[in-house]
């Protein structure tokens, strides 16, 4: 039997964790009709058809696009993006005139993959284009006055900021004063628009593309389409002689997954098709990095592989080194250089792990010393020894552990336009459900030198003298934005309650059609009650492999893997437990079996 709510609408695991079920949308006559349509027209099982409806699929056409996204069916017209046509025309004019253009991009995966797309495409069109990737420790986050001065001194006449710039009013004004034409391509929320010549940012209130929540890499990929359209006239070329944007879609997919934008609609198409392209990529840099992570010719290459294998390595370089190495990896055609850069990137990631563990322990020790801080609905921790590059990761780790919004802060030296140093505090924020990070920062922006971000992640800088005031204001925002019942509680949203009898190879293989999973389309989460632990194997890398028996409708056995901290009192052979899990196909050793990735045992 499969049901969406079982006997309960919600289940309390303990005082800090709760399971809620998706609303049962298949009960109405309209959805019962759609359920039958999906089963018959698309040859889907009732389970998969039901999950699609539960996740918002409301028509047969929507279901077709969701399961097999295509450019012919449901692709959105990029010309609707505000100012994108004007920007494309200007870039092509500068390309034709060989005017020096500098691409300035952020140093995370999204910024680097977006910047690399823009650089490579303009270069193929014949532009006089260069790039500037900021060094976190010398330039700071985003566009800086120091970087602007360097770019102007290099002889550039056009500055294109990618994945940053929308909150850099002072820096853009300074660039304009130096004679630079400034174009801003960003996707972060707009507070006070900078005085750029052209701004392309779907977050502008009157942009029709705002609902699609494109990241920078997705936005640039759409720009490539418009550039190609207009280049046929402005550069007097045919589409056959112009570079095809589809050849860049694996870069767009990397940024889309790692920037954690909703994997729905247009973003889903980019990732779905981008994963196909990544499996066949000829980019020597990506291949070199994929070889180090065992992803070349790996049938399990998916959005998770990007998010947990490629993404952290790429981000690590910007966190503790110079992300220009990643940019070079993405654009190089030299196999020897690609392998060298890939090794450097991999080594940076190992160093990042060590720094992360040390900083996380410092936070935990601090909270042990001041346990009263855990009584607040948010944490705002400053330590001048925190590594600037890992603050966001540490904030995320503390959110996972304590289920409250977290701001982690450290000290940074920056340069003003005169080249003088001054010390400020930089911070990273990670949120929880129902706590909008960028809204919270916006509400206290009067305390910030600058701030910005997304619903669940953001960053800011403040004067050192305002540290205590900011900490108090941030905690106050948690009181204001979170209901008391929502504080310090982790919520799991379960798709269905199910028995092992339904989790056969055919069904789980069919469920994989719902991938790619990510924000907006989270991994499937199932509940099975009253299964018996048959065996327990301790894994070397801090996990357990358990064999469960389910006697509902027969006698069925499945293995499950759980990682991290587990309530060891419940790990006992013969014990009857409930399990919350995501099902998957395990292809280890050439044999395909159903395996459960466990989230909770209770």
Protein backbone atom coordinates (compact mmCIF):
# COMPACT_ATOMS: atom_id res chain seq x y z
CA UNK A 1 0.00 0.00 0.00
CA UNK A 2 1.19 3.53 -0.85
CA UNK A 3 -0.22 6.56 0.88
CA UNK A 4 0.85 10.19 1.25
CA UNK A 5 -0.15 10.82 4.80
CA UNK A 6 -0.43 7.41 6.40
CA UNK A 7 -2.49 7.61 9.55
CA UNK A 8 -0.91 10.89 10.65
CA UNK A 9 -0.51 14.28 9.06
CA UNK A 10 2.82 14.72 10.84
CA UNK A 11 5.18 12.68 12.97
CA UNK A 12 7.41 13.89 15.79
CA UNK A 13 10.80 12.16 15.70
CA UNK A 14 11.93 14.00 18.81
CA UNK A 15 11.54 17.50 20.25
CA UNK A 16 13.87 18.95 17.59
CA UNK A 17 12.78 17.00 14.49
CA UNK A 18 9.48 16.47 12.78
CA UNK A 19 8.19 14.81 9.60
CA UNK A 20 5.40 16.43 7.63
CA UNK A 21 3.72 14.93 4.57
CA UNK A 22 3.06 16.64 1.28
CA UNK A 23 -0.59 17.63 0.89
CA UNK A 24 -2.63 14.95 -0.81
CA UNK A 25 -3.44 16.56 -4.16
CA UNK A 26 -4.62 13.41 -5.90
CA UNK A 27 -7.97 13.18 -4.14
CA UNK A 28 -9.88 15.71 -6.26
CA UNK A 29 -11.74 14.53 -9.36
CA UNK A 30 -9.50 16.71 -11.57
CA UNK A 31 -6.31 15.21 -10.18
CA UNK A 32 -7.69 11.68 -10.28
CA UNK A 33 -8.26 12.23 -13.99
CA UNK A 34 -4.71 13.58 -14.39
CA UNK A 35 -3.37 10.62 -12.42
CA UNK A 36 -4.94 8.23 -14.90
CA UNK A 37 -3.66 10.31 -17.83
CA UNK A 38 -0.09 10.20 -16.54
CA UNK A 39 -0.28 6.45 -15.99
CA UNK A 40 -1.71 5.70 -19.42
CA UNK A 41 -0.14 8.36 -21.69
CA UNK A 42 3.35 8.30 -20.12
CA UNK A 43 3.31 4.67 -18.97
CA UNK A 44 4.02 5.64 -15.35
CA UNK A 45 3.31 3.67 -12.22
CA UNK A 46 0.72 5.06 -9.84
CA UNK A 47 3.47 5.88 -7.34
CA UNK A 48 5.46 8.08 -9.77
CA UNK A 49 2.32 9.70 -11.18
CA UNK A 50 1.12 10.51 -7.67
CA UNK A 51 4.48 12.03 -6.65
CA UNK A 52 4.48 14.23 -9.76
CA UNK A 53 1.07 15.63 -8.84
CA UNK A 54 2.10 16.07 -5.23
CA UNK A 55 5.08 18.12 -6.43
CA UNK A 56 2.99 20.53 -8.46
CA UNK A 57 2.63 18.92 -11.89
CA UNK A 58 -0.81 20.04 -13.09
CA UNK A 59 -1.02 18.90 -16.72
CA UNK A 60 0.14 16.19 -19.09
CA UNK A 61 2.33 18.69 -21.01
CA UNK A 62 3.99 19.89 -17.78
CA UNK A 63 4.71 16.29 -16.85
CA UNK A 64 6.27 15.59 -20.27
CA UNK A 65 8.60 18.59 -19.94
CA UNK A 66 9.47 17.66 -16.36
CA UNK A 67 10.41 14.09 -17.26
CA UNK A 68 12.17 14.89 -20.55
CA UNK A 69 13.00 18.61 -20.77
CA UNK A 70 13.61 19.73 -24.35
CA UNK A 71 14.49 22.92 -26.20
CA UNK A 72 11.50 22.43 -28.49
CA UNK A 73 8.91 22.05 -25.74
CA UNK A 74 8.60 24.73 -23.08
CA UNK A 75 11.86 26.66 -23.65
CA UNK A 76 11.52 30.29 -22.54
CA UNK A 77 12.43 33.11 -24.93
CA UNK A 78 15.60 34.80 -23.57
CA UNK A 79 14.72 38.03 -25.40
CA UNK A 80 12.18 38.69 -22.64
CA UNK A 81 14.97 39.29 -20.11
CA UNK A 82 15.09 43.00 -19.36
CA UNK A 83 17.92 44.82 -21.21
CA UNK A 84 19.46 41.62 -22.60
CA UNK A 85 18.95 42.64 -26.23
CA UNK A 86 20.49 46.04 -25.64
CA UNK A 87 23.45 44.46 -23.85
CA UNK A 88 24.01 41.90 -26.62
CA UNK A 89 24.02 44.64 -29.24
CA UNK A 90 26.54 46.73 -27.30
CA UNK A 91 28.85 43.77 -26.68
CA UNK A 92 28.79 42.89 -30.37
CA UNK A 93 29.61 46.48 -31.34
CA UNK A 94 32.61 46.43 -29.00
CA UNK A 95 33.54 42.99 -30.35
CA UNK A 96 33.51 44.25 -33.93
CA UNK A 97 35.54 47.33 -32.99
CA UNK A 98 38.10 45.23 -31.05
CA UNK A 99 37.50 47.43 -27.99
CA UNK A 100 39.27 45.94 -24.92
CA UNK A 101 36.67 44.17 -22.73
CA UNK A 102 37.34 42.76 -19.26
CA UNK A 103 35.12 40.07 -17.76
CA UNK A 104 35.01 40.38 -13.95
CA UNK A 105 33.34 37.42 -12.23
CA UNK A 106 32.79 36.14 -8.73
CA UNK A 107 35.09 33.39 -7.43
CA UNK A 108 32.47 30.73 -6.67
CA UNK A 109 31.28 27.97 -9.04
CA UNK A 110 28.43 30.06 -10.40
CA UNK A 111 30.56 33.11 -11.07
CA UNK A 112 33.43 31.15 -12.59
CA UNK A 113 31.30 29.02 -14.91
CA UNK A 114 29.32 32.11 -15.94
CA UNK A 115 32.47 34.16 -16.52
CA UNK A 116 34.13 31.36 -18.47
CA UNK A 117 31.10 31.07 -20.78
CA UNK A 118 31.11 34.81 -21.50
CA UNK A 119 34.88 34.93 -22.04
CA UNK A 120 34.99 31.88 -24.33
CA UNK A 121 32.00 32.92 -26.42
CA UNK A 122 33.17 36.50 -26.95
CA UNK A 123 36.67 35.20 -27.72
CA UNK A 124 35.23 32.86 -30.36
CA UNK A 125 33.34 35.80 -31.85
CA UNK A 126 36.67 37.61 -32.21
CA UNK A 127 36.42 40.03 -29.29
CA UNK A 128 39.45 41.62 -27.62
CA UNK A 129 38.48 40.14 -24.29
CA UNK A 130 40.33 39.45 -21.04
CA UNK A 131 39.27 38.41 -17.57
CA UNK A 132 39.81 39.39 -13.95
CA UNK A 133 39.03 36.92 -11.18
CA UNK A 134 39.29 38.60 -7.76
CA UNK A 135 41.47 37.18 -5.01
CA UNK A 136 39.34 36.91 -1.87
CA UNK A 137 42.21 38.01 0.36
CA UNK A 138 43.55 40.87 -1.76
CA UNK A 139 40.40 42.15 -3.47
CA UNK A 140 37.69 41.05 -1.08
CA UNK A 141 34.26 39.80 -2.11
CA UNK A 142 32.68 41.21 -5.25
CA UNK A 143 33.87 44.23 -7.21
CA UNK A 144 36.39 46.33 -5.29
CA UNK A 145 37.87 49.78 -5.83
CA UNK A 146 41.31 48.20 -6.02
CA UNK A 147 40.21 45.82 -8.78
CA UNK A 148 38.52 48.61 -10.72
CA UNK A 149 41.72 50.64 -10.66
CA UNK A 150 43.76 47.66 -11.91
CA UNK A 151 41.29 46.98 -14.72
CA UNK A 152 41.32 50.62 -15.84
CA UNK A 153 45.12 50.72 -15.72
CA UNK A 154 45.29 47.57 -17.86
CA UNK A 155 43.81 49.48 -20.78
CA UNK A 156 40.32 48.00 -20.66
CA UNK A 157 37.51 50.21 -21.93
CA UNK A 158 34.56 47.96 -21.06
CA UNK A 159 33.93 46.30 -17.69
CA UNK A 160 31.44 43.43 -17.51
CA UNK A 161 30.66 42.23 -13.97
CA UNK A 162 29.18 38.76 -13.72
CA UNK A 163 27.52 37.27 -10.60
CA UNK A 164 28.31 40.50 -8.76
CA UNK A 165 28.05 44.25 -9.25
CA UNK A 166 24.40 44.83 -8.42
CA UNK A 167 25.31 45.93 -4.87
CA UNK A 168 28.53 47.74 -5.86
CA UNK A 169 27.21 51.30 -6.27
CA UNK A 170 30.43 53.00 -5.17
CA UNK A 171 32.68 50.74 -7.23
CA UNK A 172 30.65 51.11 -10.42
CA UNK A 173 30.55 54.89 -9.95
CA UNK A 174 34.34 54.85 -9.56
CA UNK A 175 34.73 52.76 -12.72
CA UNK A 176 32.57 55.24 -14.62
CA UNK A 177 34.71 58.12 -13.34
CA UNK A 178 37.75 56.36 -14.82
CA UNK A 179 36.09 56.22 -18.22
CA UNK A 180 34.96 52.59 -18.22
CA UNK A 181 31.72 51.52 -19.86
CA UNK A 182 30.07 49.29 -17.24
CA UNK A 183 27.70 46.38 -17.78
CA UNK A 184 26.32 44.47 -14.79
CA UNK A 185 25.06 40.90 -15.22
CA UNK A 186 23.82 39.62 -11.89
CA UNK A 187 21.00 37.63 -10.33
CA UNK A 188 21.08 38.86 -6.74
CA UNK A 189 18.35 41.02 -5.29
CA UNK A 190 18.45 44.68 -6.22
CA UNK A 191 18.51 47.17 -3.35
CA UNK A 192 20.03 50.34 -4.84
CA UNK A 193 20.91 49.82 -8.52
CA UNK A 194 24.46 50.93 -9.38
CA UNK A 195 25.02 53.61 -12.06
CA UNK A 196 26.00 51.07 -14.72
CA UNK A 197 25.41 51.70 -18.42
CA UNK A 198 23.30 48.54 -18.69
CA UNK A 199 22.02 46.24 -15.94
CA UNK A 200 20.78 42.72 -16.73
CA UNK A 201 19.39 41.21 -13.54
CA UNK A 202 16.17 39.16 -13.55
CA UNK A 203 15.58 40.22 -9.94
CA UNK A 204 14.60 43.69 -11.15
CA UNK A 205 10.91 44.08 -10.34
CA UNK A 206 9.79 44.65 -13.92
CA UNK A 207 11.77 41.77 -15.45
CA UNK A 208 9.49 38.99 -16.83
CA UNK A 209 12.19 36.40 -16.05
CA UNK A 210 12.15 37.01 -12.29
CA UNK A 211 10.04 33.89 -11.53
CA UNK A 212 12.59 31.57 -13.19
CA UNK A 213 15.29 32.26 -10.55
CA UNK A 214 18.23 31.92 -12.90
CA UNK A 215 21.72 31.86 -11.44
CA UNK A 216 24.53 33.77 -13.16
CA UNK A 217 25.64 30.75 -15.19
CA UNK A 218 22.09 30.23 -16.47
CA UNK A 219 21.70 33.94 -17.20
CA UNK A 220 24.92 34.05 -19.23
CA UNK A 221 23.87 30.96 -21.15
CA UNK A 222 20.69 32.78 -22.15
CA UNK A 223 22.84 35.77 -23.18
CA UNK A 224 24.85 33.51 -25.50
CA UNK A 225 21.63 32.62 -27.32
CA UNK A 226 20.80 36.29 -27.83
CA UNK A 227 24.37 37.09 -28.89
CA UNK A 228 24.17 34.39 -31.54
CA UNK A 229 20.85 35.67 -32.81
CA UNK A 230 22.08 39.24 -33.18
CA UNK A 231 25.56 38.34 -34.45
CA UNK A 232 24.06 37.17 -37.72
CA UNK A 233 23.29 40.83 -38.48
CA UNK A 234 25.81 42.84 -36.46
CA UNK A 235 28.77 40.62 -37.32
CA UNK A 236 27.36 39.61 -40.71
CA UNK A 237 27.73 35.89 -40.11
CA UNK A 238 25.48 32.87 -40.51
CA UNK A 239 24.36 30.69 -37.62
CA UNK A 240 26.48 27.87 -39.08
CA UNK A 241 29.69 29.89 -38.64
CA UNK A 242 28.82 31.14 -35.14
CA UNK A 243 29.55 29.19 -31.94
CA UNK A 244 26.55 27.22 -30.66
CA UNK A 245 25.42 28.00 -27.06
CA UNK A 246 24.54 24.32 -26.61
CA UNK A 247 28.28 23.63 -26.51
CA UNK A 248 28.48 25.62 -23.27
CA UNK A 249 25.52 24.12 -21.44
CA UNK A 250 27.60 21.84 -19.18
CA UNK A 251 29.19 24.99 -17.70
CA UNK A 252 25.74 26.48 -17.17
CA UNK A 253 24.62 23.26 -15.46
CA UNK A 254 27.60 23.31 -13.07
CA UNK A 255 26.76 26.81 -11.90
CA UNK A 256 23.03 26.11 -11.70
CA UNK A 257 23.43 23.09 -9.43
CA UNK A 258 26.08 24.64 -7.18
CA UNK A 259 24.29 27.96 -6.70
CA UNK A 260 21.28 26.04 -5.37
CA UNK A 261 18.61 27.77 -7.44
CA UNK A 262 15.31 25.86 -7.91
CA UNK A 263 15.76 22.97 -10.35
CA UNK A 264 12.42 23.61 -12.03
CA UNK A 265 11.31 24.87 -15.44
CA UNK A 266 14.22 26.54 -17.26
CA UNK A 267 16.79 25.61 -14.60
CA UNK A 268 15.70 21.99 -14.84
CA UNK A 269 16.20 22.05 -18.61
CA UNK A 270 19.70 23.54 -18.23
CA UNK A 271 20.75 20.90 -15.70
CA UNK A 272 19.05 17.98 -17.45
CA UNK A 273 20.67 18.75 -20.81
CA UNK A 274 23.85 19.98 -19.17
CA UNK A 275 24.38 16.64 -17.43
CA UNK A 276 24.04 14.89 -20.79
CA UNK A 277 26.67 17.24 -22.22
CA UNK A 278 28.95 16.82 -19.20
CA UNK A 279 29.04 13.05 -19.74
CA UNK A 280 30.39 13.69 -23.24
CA UNK A 281 32.38 16.88 -22.61
CA UNK A 282 35.56 17.53 -24.55
CA UNK A 283 36.71 20.33 -22.24
CA UNK A 284 40.12 19.12 -21.07
CA UNK A 285 39.88 21.01 -17.78
CA UNK A 286 36.59 19.44 -16.77
CA UNK A 287 37.83 16.02 -17.87
CA UNK A 288 40.98 16.39 -15.75
CA UNK A 289 38.95 17.29 -12.67
CA UNK A 290 36.42 14.54 -13.35
CA UNK A 291 39.22 11.98 -13.61
CA UNK A 292 40.39 12.89 -10.11
CA UNK A 293 36.86 12.38 -8.78
CA UNK A 294 36.16 9.15 -10.71
CA UNK A 295 33.34 10.74 -12.71
CA UNK A 296 34.62 10.06 -16.24
CA UNK A 297 32.37 7.39 -17.84
CA UNK A 298 30.60 7.03 -14.49
CA UNK A 299 26.92 6.10 -14.95
CA UNK A 300 26.16 7.70 -11.57
CA UNK A 301 27.20 11.18 -12.74
CA UNK A 302 24.26 13.35 -11.70
CA UNK A 303 23.40 16.63 -9.98
CA UNK A 304 24.63 15.15 -6.71
CA UNK A 305 28.02 14.45 -8.29
CA UNK A 306 28.28 18.11 -9.21
CA UNK A 307 27.09 19.31 -5.84
CA UNK A 308 29.25 17.03 -3.70
CA UNK A 309 32.29 16.24 -5.87
CA UNK A 310 33.00 18.94 -8.44
CA UNK A 311 31.43 21.95 -6.73
CA UNK A 312 33.33 21.78 -3.41
CA UNK A 313 36.66 21.41 -5.24
CA UNK A 314 36.01 24.39 -7.47
CA UNK A 315 34.80 26.50 -4.56
CA UNK A 316 37.76 25.48 -2.39
CA UNK A 317 40.22 27.36 -4.61
CA UNK A 318 38.32 30.61 -4.23
CA UNK A 319 38.06 30.01 -0.50
CA UNK A 320 41.72 29.45 0.31
CA UNK A 321 43.66 30.18 -2.89
CA UNK A 322 43.18 32.12 -6.13
CA UNK A 323 40.16 31.14 -8.22
CA UNK A 324 41.91 32.36 -11.37
CA UNK A 325 43.30 28.79 -11.45
CA UNK A 326 39.75 27.48 -11.88
CA UNK A 327 38.97 30.00 -14.60
CA UNK A 328 42.07 28.90 -16.46
CA UNK A 329 41.06 25.25 -15.99
CA UNK A 330 37.66 25.96 -17.56
CA UNK A 331 39.03 27.77 -20.62
CA UNK A 332 42.29 25.92 -21.35
CA UNK A 333 42.80 23.55 -24.28
CA UNK A 334 46.19 22.37 -22.95
CA UNK A 335 45.86 18.87 -21.45
CA UNK A 336 49.13 19.10 -19.51
CA UNK A 337 48.14 22.41 -17.93
CA UNK A 338 44.64 21.05 -17.23
CA UNK A 339 45.99 18.08 -15.26
CA UNK A 340 48.34 20.33 -13.29
CA UNK A 341 45.55 22.75 -12.42
CA UNK A 342 43.18 19.91 -11.49
CA UNK A 343 45.73 18.56 -9.00
CA UNK A 344 46.17 22.03 -7.51
CA UNK A 345 42.41 22.36 -7.14
CA UNK A 346 42.10 18.93 -5.53
CA UNK A 347 44.88 19.77 -3.04
CA UNK A 348 43.13 23.02 -2.15
CA UNK A 349 40.02 21.06 -1.31
CA UNK A 350 41.94 18.80 1.09
CA UNK A 351 43.42 21.87 2.79
CA UNK A 352 39.96 23.42 2.96
CA UNK A 353 38.63 20.37 4.82
CA UNK A 354 41.32 20.69 7.50
CA UNK A 355 40.72 24.42 7.97
CA UNK A 356 36.97 23.83 8.10
CA UNK A 357 37.26 21.19 10.82
CA UNK A 358 39.51 23.44 12.94
CA UNK A 359 37.17 26.44 12.65
CA UNK A 360 34.07 24.38 13.35
CA UNK A 361 35.68 23.06 16.52
CA UNK A 362 36.50 26.64 17.57
CA UNK A 363 32.80 27.51 17.23
CA UNK A 364 31.66 24.49 19.22
CA UNK A 365 34.19 25.23 21.97
CA UNK A 366 32.96 28.83 22.08
CA UNK A 367 29.36 27.68 22.46
CA UNK A 368 30.37 25.32 25.26
CA UNK A 369 32.02 28.27 27.00
CA UNK A 370 28.93 30.46 26.51
CA UNK A 371 25.98 28.02 26.43
CA UNK A 372 23.49 30.84 27.02
CA UNK A 373 23.99 31.83 23.37
CA UNK A 374 22.10 28.68 22.37
CA UNK A 375 18.99 30.07 24.05
CA UNK A 376 18.73 32.67 21.28
CA UNK A 377 16.85 31.99 18.01
CA UNK A 378 20.02 32.74 16.00
CA UNK A 379 23.81 32.65 16.33
CA UNK A 380 26.18 35.48 15.36
CA UNK A 381 29.77 34.44 16.08
CA UNK A 382 32.92 36.51 15.46
CA UNK A 383 36.49 35.30 15.59
CA UNK A 384 39.32 37.21 13.91
CA UNK A 385 41.10 33.88 13.33
CA UNK A 386 38.31 32.43 11.20
CA UNK A 387 39.43 31.84 7.63
CA UNK A 388 37.44 34.17 5.37
CA UNK A 389 36.98 31.46 2.78
CA UNK A 390 35.17 28.93 4.94
CA UNK A 391 32.77 31.13 6.94
CA UNK A 392 29.80 30.14 4.80
CA UNK A 393 30.56 26.44 5.22
CA UNK A 394 30.86 26.81 9.01
CA UNK A 395 27.59 28.72 9.15
CA UNK A 396 25.95 25.89 7.21
CA UNK A 397 27.38 23.25 9.56
CA UNK A 398 26.03 25.08 12.60
CA UNK A 399 22.62 25.46 10.97
CA UNK A 400 22.55 21.67 10.44
CA UNK A 401 23.45 21.07 14.09
CA UNK A 402 21.33 23.68 15.87
CA UNK A 403 18.54 24.50 13.36
CA UNK A 404 18.86 28.28 13.77
CA UNK A 405 20.04 31.03 11.39
CA UNK A 406 23.79 31.57 11.72
CA UNK A 407 26.11 34.47 10.92
CA UNK A 408 29.86 33.76 11.03
CA UNK A 409 32.24 36.72 10.98
CA UNK A 410 35.95 37.42 10.72
CA UNK A 411 38.33 40.32 10.10
CA UNK A 412 39.51 41.51 6.71
CA UNK A 413 41.82 44.22 5.46
CA UNK A 414 40.57 46.11 2.41
CA UNK A 415 41.97 48.89 0.28
CA UNK A 416 40.21 52.14 -0.56
CA UNK A 417 40.62 53.93 -3.90
CA UNK A 418 43.79 55.60 -2.61
CA UNK A 419 45.38 52.25 -1.83
CA UNK A 420 45.13 52.71 1.94
CA UNK A 421 44.32 49.71 4.15
CA UNK A 422 41.49 49.57 6.66
CA UNK A 423 40.03 46.75 8.73
CA UNK A 424 36.41 45.69 8.47
CA UNK A 425 34.34 42.68 9.50
CA UNK A 426 33.14 40.28 6.81
CA UNK A 427 30.37 37.80 7.43
CA UNK A 428 28.47 34.91 5.87
CA UNK A 429 24.90 33.93 6.76
CA UNK A 430 22.99 30.69 6.32
CA UNK A 431 19.30 30.42 7.10
CA UNK A 432 16.64 27.91 8.02
CA UNK A 433 13.14 27.26 6.69
CA UNK A 434 10.92 30.37 7.00
CA UNK A 435 13.92 32.65 7.60
CA UNK A 436 14.71 34.73 4.51
CA UNK A 437 18.39 35.67 4.77
CA UNK A 438 18.40 38.50 2.25
CA UNK A 439 15.27 40.00 3.83
CA UNK A 440 16.86 39.87 7.27
CA UNK A 441 20.02 41.57 5.98
CA UNK A 442 17.95 44.14 4.12
CA UNK A 443 16.13 44.97 7.36
CA UNK A 444 19.44 45.77 9.08
CA UNK A 445 21.30 47.09 6.03
CA UNK A 446 21.77 50.46 7.77
CA UNK A 447 24.44 48.69 9.85
CA UNK A 448 26.22 47.24 6.80
CA UNK A 449 28.77 48.60 4.38
CA UNK A 450 27.17 46.22 1.89
CA UNK A 451 25.05 43.10 1.98
CA UNK A 452 23.19 40.76 -0.32
CA UNK A 453 22.44 37.16 -1.21
CA UNK A 454 19.55 34.73 -1.59
CA UNK A 455 16.68 33.39 0.49
CA UNK A 456 18.88 30.91 2.38
CA UNK A 457 22.41 32.35 2.06
CA UNK A 458 23.99 35.78 2.09
CA UNK A 459 26.99 37.89 2.97
CA UNK A 460 27.74 41.28 4.44
CA UNK A 461 30.46 43.60 5.68
CA UNK A 462 30.35 46.03 8.61
CA UNK A 463 32.62 48.45 10.40
CA UNK A 464 34.39 46.81 13.35
CA UNK A 465 32.80 49.29 15.78
CA UNK A 466 29.33 48.01 14.85
CA UNK A 467 29.99 44.35 15.69
CA UNK A 468 27.96 44.15 18.90
CA UNK A 469 25.11 46.19 17.40
CA UNK A 470 24.98 43.92 14.36
CA UNK A 471 24.99 40.74 16.46
CA UNK A 472 22.06 42.00 18.51
CA UNK A 473 20.16 43.16 15.43
CA UNK A 474 20.67 39.83 13.63
CA UNK A 475 19.30 37.87 16.57
CA UNK A 476 16.39 40.30 16.78
CA UNK A 477 15.59 39.53 13.14
CA UNK A 478 15.24 35.85 14.01
CA UNK A 479 12.72 36.78 16.71
CA UNK A 480 10.84 38.90 14.18
CA UNK A 481 10.85 36.51 11.20
CA UNK A 482 10.41 33.17 12.96
CA UNK A 483 7.38 31.94 14.84
CA UNK A 484 8.26 30.43 18.25
CA UNK A 485 6.98 27.04 17.08
CA UNK A 486 9.48 27.14 14.22
CA UNK A 487 12.54 27.82 16.32
CA UNK A 488 15.32 25.25 16.57
CA UNK A 489 13.33 22.58 14.78
CA UNK A 490 14.26 20.57 11.69
CA UNK A 491 11.43 19.62 9.35
CA UNK A 492 11.51 16.75 6.89
CA UNK A 493 8.92 16.75 4.11
CA UNK A 494 8.01 13.18 3.24
CA UNK A 495 6.65 12.14 -0.17
CA UNK A 496 4.97 8.85 0.75
CA UNK A 497 4.74 6.14 3.35
CA UNK A 498 5.63 2.90 1.62
CA UNK A 499 6.49 -0.75 2.20
CA UNK A 500 9.56 -2.58 0.91
CA UNK A 501 7.29 -4.63 -1.34
CA UNK A 502 6.83 -1.56 -3.57
CA UNK A 503 10.55 -0.71 -3.65
CA UNK A 504 11.62 -3.15 -6.33
CA UNK A 505 14.28 -2.45 -8.95
CA UNK A 506 11.75 -1.46 -11.63
CA UNK A 507 9.96 1.06 -9.40
CA UNK A 508 13.14 2.70 -8.05
CA UNK A 509 14.59 2.88 -11.55
CA UNK A 510 11.41 4.62 -12.68
CA UNK A 511 11.65 7.04 -9.75
CA UNK A 512 15.06 8.12 -11.04
CA UNK A 513 13.22 9.82 -13.92
CA UNK A 514 12.28 12.54 -11.42
CA UNK A 515 15.94 13.61 -11.27
CA UNK A 516 17.84 15.93 -11.36
CA UNK A 517 17.13 16.63 -7.72
CA UNK A 518 17.99 19.83 -5.91
CA UNK A 519 16.37 22.98 -4.54
CA UNK A 520 12.72 23.10 -5.61
CA UNK A 521 12.80 19.41 -6.54
CA UNK A 522 14.32 17.79 -3.43
CA UNK A 523 15.43 14.16 -3.36
CA UNK A 524 12.60 11.71 -2.77
CA UNK A 525 11.94 11.06 0.88
CA UNK A 526 9.99 7.96 1.95
CA UNK A 527 8.88 6.58 5.30
CA UNK A 528 8.65 2.91 6.20
CA UNK A 529 7.45 1.96 9.67
CA UNK A 530 8.07 -1.12 11.76
CA UNK A 531 11.07 -2.67 10.05
CA UNK A 532 13.46 -4.91 11.97
CA UNK A 533 17.24 -4.40 12.04
CA UNK A 534 18.84 -7.65 10.90
CA UNK A 535 22.53 -6.69 10.86
CA UNK A 536 24.80 -3.68 11.43
CA UNK A 537 28.16 -3.02 9.74
CA UNK A 538 30.30 -0.08 10.85
CA UNK A 539 31.83 1.72 7.88
CA UNK A 540 35.32 3.22 8.00
CA UNK A 541 34.24 6.71 6.95
CA UNK A 542 31.85 7.42 9.86
CA UNK A 543 28.74 5.58 8.79
CA UNK A 544 26.74 2.37 9.15
CA UNK A 545 25.31 -0.17 6.74
CA UNK A 546 22.18 -1.87 8.05
CA UNK A 547 20.02 -4.69 6.75
CA UNK A 548 16.29 -4.25 7.42
CA UNK A 549 13.40 -6.70 7.22
CA UNK A 550 9.86 -5.56 6.40
CA UNK A 551 7.06 -8.07 6.90
CA UNK A 552 4.24 -5.96 5.42
CA UNK A 553 2.66 -8.04 2.64
CA UNK A 554 5.36 -10.69 2.82
CA UNK A 555 8.99 -10.75 3.89
CA UNK A 556 11.32 -8.25 2.21
CA UNK A 557 14.92 -7.19 2.92
CA UNK A 558 16.80 -4.02 1.95
CA UNK A 559 20.15 -2.49 2.89
CA UNK A 560 20.40 1.10 4.07
CA UNK A 561 23.38 3.44 4.59
CA UNK A 562 23.47 6.24 7.13
CA UNK A 563 26.27 8.79 7.58
CA UNK A 564 27.29 11.05 10.44
CA UNK A 565 26.04 11.12 14.00
CA UNK A 566 23.47 8.45 14.87
CA UNK A 567 21.64 7.65 18.09
CA UNK A 568 23.63 4.51 18.88
CA UNK A 569 21.03 3.34 21.41
CA UNK A 570 18.69 2.57 18.53
CA UNK A 571 21.31 0.57 16.60
CA UNK A 572 20.55 -2.87 17.93
CA UNK A 573 20.02 -6.08 15.99
CA UNK A 574 16.43 -7.30 16.39
CA UNK A 575 15.07 -3.85 17.20
CA UNK A 576 11.91 -2.63 15.42
CA UNK A 577 12.31 0.90 14.06
CA UNK A 578 10.90 3.44 11.62
CA UNK A 579 13.13 4.73 8.83
CA UNK A 580 13.14 7.87 6.72
CA UNK A 581 15.12 7.47 3.50
CA UNK A 582 15.75 8.15 -0.18
CA UNK A 583 15.78 5.05 -2.41
CA UNK A 584 18.44 4.61 -5.08
CA UNK A 585 19.98 2.06 -7.41
CA UNK A 586 23.39 0.83 -6.23
CA UNK A 587 25.55 -0.36 -9.14
CA UNK A 588 28.59 -1.38 -7.08
CA UNK A 589 30.54 -4.32 -8.48
CA UNK A 590 28.47 -4.44 -11.65
CA UNK A 591 25.37 -5.64 -9.79
CA UNK A 592 22.35 -3.33 -9.61
CA UNK A 593 20.38 -3.44 -6.36
CA UNK A 594 17.98 -1.20 -4.46
CA UNK A 595 19.65 0.62 -1.56
CA UNK A 596 18.31 3.16 0.93
CA UNK A 597 20.12 6.38 1.85
CA UNK A 598 18.89 6.82 5.41
CA UNK A 599 18.07 10.23 6.89
CA UNK A 600 16.63 9.17 10.26
CA UNK A 601 16.13 5.99 12.28
CA UNK A 602 13.64 6.33 15.12
